[in-house]
Structure formats: C-alpha cells, structure tokens
Amino acid sequence: MGGRRRRGGRSGVRRGRSYSEIVIFCVIPRELEADLYEKMVDYYKDNPNVTVIIDRREGPDRRHERAESAAKEQRTTRDRRRARAAGTFLDTDPPTD
C-alpha cells in the first residue's frame, strides 16, 4: 500500500455506527493486495456494511502456542467456597424425650 490513498473511502475505522448494525470485513491477504484490493473495493462500493481491509499481521500465529504452554502454566483451580469455621460443633439432632 505504501503511501497510496484508498479509493472508495474504505478504511478499518468507522465512526457513528450503532452496536446493533452488522459490519462485515473483507480481509485481503497481503500477498494478494495488488490483485484483489481494488477489485473488492469496487465490488462492495454499494454496500456500506462491508469494509475491505488488508491483513498486515506478521510473524507466526501465536494463539496455538499460548493455548498449549502459557495457559496451562497460568491456570489454577481455586476453591471459592467460604472457609469452614474452625472448632467443633454441637450435635444438631433434636433431643429424644
């Protein structure tokens, strides 16, 4: 993309939308930007709910690594029940007369 201006005024940031409005992102892989970006902007130009964006992420997908190693190490099971009072208690059965 460099310093090119995007045609159609499409960008990843939308202002003034309500939370109940449906927003669809058409994500173009970086490798296909030159071939697909302009075509997809033109294709969706009449649909205000679709935003065409380019995937700019770099590096390995860390989600699986995090789920397998870090999450297992950090996860602890806690007993949230109130601690039992210390000491002994009287019998609660009614007396048999």
N, C-alpha and C. Protein backbone atom coordinates (compact mmCIF):
# COMPACT_ATOMS: atom_id res chain seq x y z
N MET A 1 0.83 -1.19 0.00
CA MET A 1 0.00 0.00 0.00
C MET A 1 0.87 1.24 0.00
N GLY A 2 1.93 1.26 0.79
CA GLY A 2 2.81 2.43 0.82
C GLY A 2 2.03 3.68 1.16
N GLY A 3 2.20 4.73 0.32
CA GLY A 3 1.52 5.99 0.57
C GLY A 3 0.28 6.16 -0.29
N ARG A 4 -0.15 5.08 -0.94
CA ARG A 4 -1.33 5.19 -1.80
C ARG A 4 -2.58 5.50 -1.01
N ARG A 5 -3.44 6.28 -1.61
CA ARG A 5 -4.73 6.59 -1.00
C ARG A 5 -5.73 5.55 -1.45
N ARG A 6 -6.51 5.06 -0.55
CA ARG A 6 -7.50 4.04 -0.88
C ARG A 6 -8.70 4.67 -1.55
N ARG A 7 -9.12 4.07 -2.64
CA ARG A 7 -10.31 4.58 -3.32
C ARG A 7 -11.56 4.07 -2.62
N GLY A 8 -12.62 4.82 -2.71
CA GLY A 8 -13.88 4.42 -2.13
C GLY A 8 -14.02 4.81 -0.66
N GLY A 9 -12.99 5.44 -0.10
CA GLY A 9 -13.07 5.88 1.28
C GLY A 9 -13.16 4.75 2.29
N ARG A 10 -12.76 3.58 1.91
CA ARG A 10 -12.83 2.43 2.81
C ARG A 10 -11.64 2.40 3.74
N SER A 11 -11.89 2.21 5.00
CA SER A 11 -10.82 2.02 5.97
C SER A 11 -11.36 1.15 7.08
N GLY A 12 -10.48 0.67 7.94
CA GLY A 12 -10.89 -0.21 9.02
C GLY A 12 -11.62 0.52 10.14
N VAL A 13 -11.59 1.85 10.18
CA VAL A 13 -12.20 2.60 11.26
C VAL A 13 -13.50 3.23 10.77
N ARG A 14 -14.58 2.93 11.47
CA ARG A 14 -15.88 3.51 11.13
C ARG A 14 -16.39 4.26 12.33
N ARG A 15 -16.89 5.44 12.13
CA ARG A 15 -17.45 6.22 13.23
C ARG A 15 -18.95 6.38 13.03
N GLY A 16 -19.67 6.49 14.13
CA GLY A 16 -21.10 6.77 14.06
C GLY A 16 -21.96 5.54 13.82
N ARG A 17 -21.42 4.36 13.93
CA ARG A 17 -22.23 3.16 13.74
C ARG A 17 -22.84 2.74 15.08
N SER A 18 -24.03 2.17 15.00
CA SER A 18 -24.64 1.66 16.22
C SER A 18 -24.12 0.25 16.47
N TYR A 19 -24.22 -0.20 17.71
CA TYR A 19 -23.73 -1.53 18.05
C TYR A 19 -24.60 -2.62 17.46
N SER A 20 -25.82 -2.32 17.09
CA SER A 20 -26.71 -3.33 16.53
C SER A 20 -26.54 -3.48 15.02
N GLU A 21 -25.77 -2.60 14.41
CA GLU A 21 -25.57 -2.66 12.96
C GLU A 21 -24.54 -3.73 12.61
N ILE A 22 -24.81 -4.46 11.55
CA ILE A 22 -23.91 -5.52 11.11
C ILE A 22 -22.78 -4.92 10.29
N VAL A 23 -21.55 -5.28 10.63
CA VAL A 23 -20.37 -4.81 9.89
C VAL A 23 -19.62 -6.05 9.41
N ILE A 24 -19.28 -6.07 8.15
CA ILE A 24 -18.56 -7.19 7.57
C ILE A 24 -17.22 -6.69 7.09
N PHE A 25 -16.14 -7.40 7.45
CA PHE A 25 -14.81 -7.06 6.98
C PHE A 25 -14.41 -8.06 5.92
N CYS A 26 -14.04 -7.57 4.76
CA CYS A 26 -13.49 -8.39 3.69
C CYS A 26 -11.98 -8.25 3.83
N VAL A 27 -11.31 -9.31 4.31
CA VAL A 27 -9.89 -9.25 4.61
C VAL A 27 -9.10 -9.81 3.43
N ILE A 28 -8.22 -8.98 2.89
CA ILE A 28 -7.38 -9.37 1.76
C ILE A 28 -5.99 -9.73 2.28
N PRO A 29 -5.47 -10.93 1.96
CA PRO A 29 -4.10 -11.26 2.38
C PRO A 29 -3.11 -10.32 1.71
N ARG A 30 -2.05 -9.99 2.41
CA ARG A 30 -1.04 -9.06 1.90
C ARG A 30 -0.50 -9.50 0.54
N GLU A 31 -0.32 -10.81 0.37
CA GLU A 31 0.24 -11.33 -0.88
C GLU A 31 -0.68 -11.08 -2.08
N LEU A 32 -1.98 -10.93 -1.83
CA LEU A 32 -2.94 -10.73 -2.92
C LEU A 32 -3.43 -9.30 -3.04
N GLU A 33 -2.83 -8.40 -2.29
CA GLU A 33 -3.27 -7.00 -2.27
C GLU A 33 -3.30 -6.39 -3.67
N ALA A 34 -2.23 -6.56 -4.43
CA ALA A 34 -2.15 -5.95 -5.75
C ALA A 34 -3.24 -6.47 -6.69
N ASP A 35 -3.60 -7.74 -6.55
CA ASP A 35 -4.59 -8.34 -7.45
C ASP A 35 -6.03 -8.12 -7.00
N LEU A 36 -6.27 -8.13 -5.70
CA LEU A 36 -7.65 -8.15 -5.22
C LEU A 36 -8.19 -6.88 -4.59
N TYR A 37 -7.34 -6.07 -3.97
CA TYR A 37 -7.86 -4.96 -3.17
C TYR A 37 -8.79 -4.04 -3.95
N GLU A 38 -8.32 -3.51 -5.05
CA GLU A 38 -9.13 -2.57 -5.83
C GLU A 38 -10.40 -3.23 -6.36
N LYS A 39 -10.30 -4.49 -6.76
CA LYS A 39 -11.48 -5.21 -7.27
C LYS A 39 -12.53 -5.36 -6.18
N MET A 40 -12.09 -5.70 -4.96
CA MET A 40 -13.04 -5.91 -3.89
C MET A 40 -13.66 -4.59 -3.40
N VAL A 41 -12.88 -3.51 -3.38
CA VAL A 41 -13.43 -2.19 -3.02
C VAL A 41 -14.51 -1.82 -4.02
N ASP A 42 -14.24 -2.04 -5.30
CA ASP A 42 -15.22 -1.73 -6.34
C ASP A 42 -16.46 -2.63 -6.21
N TYR A 43 -16.24 -3.91 -5.92
CA TYR A 43 -17.33 -4.86 -5.80
C TYR A 43 -18.28 -4.49 -4.66
N TYR A 44 -17.73 -4.05 -3.53
CA TYR A 44 -18.55 -3.73 -2.36
C TYR A 44 -18.85 -2.24 -2.20
N LYS A 45 -18.58 -1.43 -3.20
CA LYS A 45 -18.76 0.03 -3.07
C LYS A 45 -20.19 0.44 -2.74
N ASP A 46 -21.19 -0.36 -3.14
CA ASP A 46 -22.58 -0.01 -2.87
C ASP A 46 -23.12 -0.61 -1.58
N ASN A 47 -22.29 -1.34 -0.84
CA ASN A 47 -22.72 -1.95 0.41
C ASN A 47 -21.99 -1.26 1.57
N PRO A 48 -22.67 -0.37 2.28
CA PRO A 48 -22.00 0.38 3.35
C PRO A 48 -21.62 -0.48 4.56
N ASN A 49 -22.14 -1.71 4.64
CA ASN A 49 -21.83 -2.57 5.77
C ASN A 49 -20.55 -3.37 5.57
N VAL A 50 -19.94 -3.29 4.39
CA VAL A 50 -18.72 -4.05 4.11
C VAL A 50 -17.54 -3.11 4.04
N THR A 51 -16.49 -3.45 4.78
CA THR A 51 -15.24 -2.70 4.76
C THR A 51 -14.14 -3.63 4.27
N VAL A 52 -13.43 -3.21 3.24
CA VAL A 52 -12.33 -4.00 2.69
C VAL A 52 -11.05 -3.57 3.38
N ILE A 53 -10.34 -4.54 3.97
CA ILE A 53 -9.09 -4.25 4.66
C ILE A 53 -8.01 -5.22 4.20
N ILE A 54 -6.76 -4.86 4.45
CA ILE A 54 -5.62 -5.70 4.10
C ILE A 54 -5.02 -6.25 5.38
N ASP A 55 -4.77 -7.55 5.40
CA ASP A 55 -4.18 -8.20 6.56
C ASP A 55 -2.72 -7.80 6.65
N ARG A 56 -2.36 -7.10 7.71
CA ARG A 56 -1.00 -6.60 7.89
C ARG A 56 -0.23 -7.36 8.97
N ARG A 57 -0.79 -8.43 9.49
CA ARG A 57 -0.11 -9.17 10.56
C ARG A 57 1.17 -9.81 10.04
N GLU A 58 2.15 -9.91 10.92
CA GLU A 58 3.43 -10.53 10.57
C GLU A 58 3.80 -11.54 11.62
N GLY A 59 4.64 -12.48 11.26
CA GLY A 59 5.15 -13.45 12.21
C GLY A 59 4.24 -14.65 12.36
N PRO A 60 4.65 -15.61 13.18
CA PRO A 60 3.86 -16.83 13.36
C PRO A 60 2.59 -16.56 14.16
N ASP A 61 1.62 -17.41 13.95
CA ASP A 61 0.37 -17.34 14.70
C ASP A 61 0.66 -17.84 16.10
N ARG A 62 0.53 -16.98 17.09
CA ARG A 62 0.90 -17.33 18.46
C ARG A 62 -0.25 -17.87 19.28
N ARG A 63 -1.44 -17.91 18.72
CA ARG A 63 -2.59 -18.37 19.50
C ARG A 63 -2.41 -19.81 19.98
N HIS A 64 -1.95 -20.69 19.11
CA HIS A 64 -1.80 -22.10 19.50
C HIS A 64 -0.70 -22.27 20.53
N GLU A 65 0.39 -21.56 20.35
CA GLU A 65 1.49 -21.63 21.30
C GLU A 65 1.03 -21.20 22.69
N ARG A 66 0.31 -20.11 22.75
CA ARG A 66 -0.17 -19.58 24.02
C ARG A 66 -1.15 -20.56 24.67
N ALA A 67 -2.03 -21.14 23.89
CA ALA A 67 -3.03 -22.05 24.43
C ALA A 67 -2.39 -23.31 24.99
N GLU A 68 -1.34 -23.78 24.35
CA GLU A 68 -0.74 -25.04 24.76
C GLU A 68 0.20 -24.90 25.94
N SER A 69 1.00 -23.85 25.99
CA SER A 69 2.00 -23.77 27.04
C SER A 69 1.66 -22.77 28.14
N ALA A 70 1.51 -21.53 27.78
CA ALA A 70 1.34 -20.48 28.79
C ALA A 70 0.03 -20.63 29.56
N ALA A 71 -1.03 -20.96 28.86
CA ALA A 71 -2.32 -21.07 29.53
C ALA A 71 -2.33 -22.21 30.53
N LYS A 72 -1.69 -23.32 30.20
CA LYS A 72 -1.64 -24.45 31.13
C LYS A 72 -0.86 -24.09 32.38
N GLU A 73 0.22 -23.35 32.21
CA GLU A 73 1.04 -22.97 33.36
C GLU A 73 0.34 -21.94 34.24
N GLN A 74 -0.42 -21.04 33.67
CA GLN A 74 -1.05 -19.96 34.42
C GLN A 74 -2.36 -20.37 35.05
N ARG A 75 -3.00 -21.39 34.52
CA ARG A 75 -4.32 -21.75 35.01
C ARG A 75 -4.21 -22.42 36.38
N THR A 76 -4.97 -21.92 37.33
CA THR A 76 -5.02 -22.52 38.66
C THR A 76 -6.47 -22.71 39.04
N THR A 77 -6.72 -23.77 39.75
CA THR A 77 -8.07 -24.03 40.21
C THR A 77 -8.18 -23.51 41.63
N ARG A 78 -9.17 -22.68 41.85
CA ARG A 78 -9.37 -22.12 43.18
C ARG A 78 -10.70 -22.58 43.73
N ASP A 79 -10.72 -22.82 45.04
CA ASP A 79 -11.96 -23.17 45.72
C ASP A 79 -12.51 -21.87 46.31
N ARG A 80 -13.59 -21.38 45.72
CA ARG A 80 -14.13 -20.08 46.15
C ARG A 80 -15.15 -20.20 47.28
N ARG A 81 -15.36 -21.40 47.74
CA ARG A 81 -16.32 -21.55 48.84
C ARG A 81 -15.74 -20.93 50.11
N ARG A 82 -16.61 -20.45 50.95
CA ARG A 82 -16.18 -19.84 52.21
C ARG A 82 -15.53 -20.91 53.09
N ALA A 83 -14.44 -20.54 53.70
CA ALA A 83 -13.73 -21.48 54.58
C ALA A 83 -14.62 -21.85 55.76
N ARG A 84 -14.53 -23.09 56.16
CA ARG A 84 -15.34 -23.57 57.27
C ARG A 84 -14.78 -23.03 58.59
N ALA A 85 -15.65 -22.70 59.48
CA ALA A 85 -15.23 -22.17 60.78
C ALA A 85 -14.45 -23.23 61.54
N ALA A 86 -13.43 -22.81 62.23
CA ALA A 86 -12.61 -23.74 63.00
C ALA A 86 -13.31 -24.14 64.28
N GLY A 87 -13.02 -25.32 64.77
CA GLY A 87 -13.57 -25.77 66.04
C GLY A 87 -14.55 -26.90 65.87
N THR A 88 -15.20 -27.26 66.97
CA THR A 88 -16.19 -28.35 66.93
C THR A 88 -17.57 -27.75 67.14
N PHE A 89 -18.56 -28.48 66.71
CA PHE A 89 -19.93 -28.00 66.78
C PHE A 89 -20.78 -28.98 67.57
N LEU A 90 -21.81 -28.49 68.20
CA LEU A 90 -22.76 -29.32 68.92
C LEU A 90 -23.57 -30.12 67.93
N ASP A 91 -24.10 -31.22 68.43
CA ASP A 91 -24.99 -32.01 67.58
C ASP A 91 -26.23 -31.20 67.24
N THR A 92 -26.76 -31.36 66.07
CA THR A 92 -27.94 -30.61 65.67
C THR A 92 -29.20 -31.44 65.71
N ASP A 93 -29.06 -32.70 66.08
CA ASP A 93 -30.26 -33.54 66.16
C ASP A 93 -31.07 -33.16 67.38
N PRO A 94 -32.41 -33.13 67.26
CA PRO A 94 -33.24 -32.79 68.42
C PRO A 94 -33.15 -33.88 69.48
N PRO A 95 -33.29 -33.47 70.73
CA PRO A 95 -33.23 -34.47 71.81
C PRO A 95 -34.41 -35.45 71.71
N THR A 96 -34.17 -36.69 72.04
CA THR A 96 -35.24 -37.69 72.01
C THR A 96 -35.77 -37.88 73.43
N ASP A 97 -36.95 -37.35 73.75
CA ASP A 97 -37.55 -37.47 75.08
C ASP A 97 -38.41 -38.67 75.15
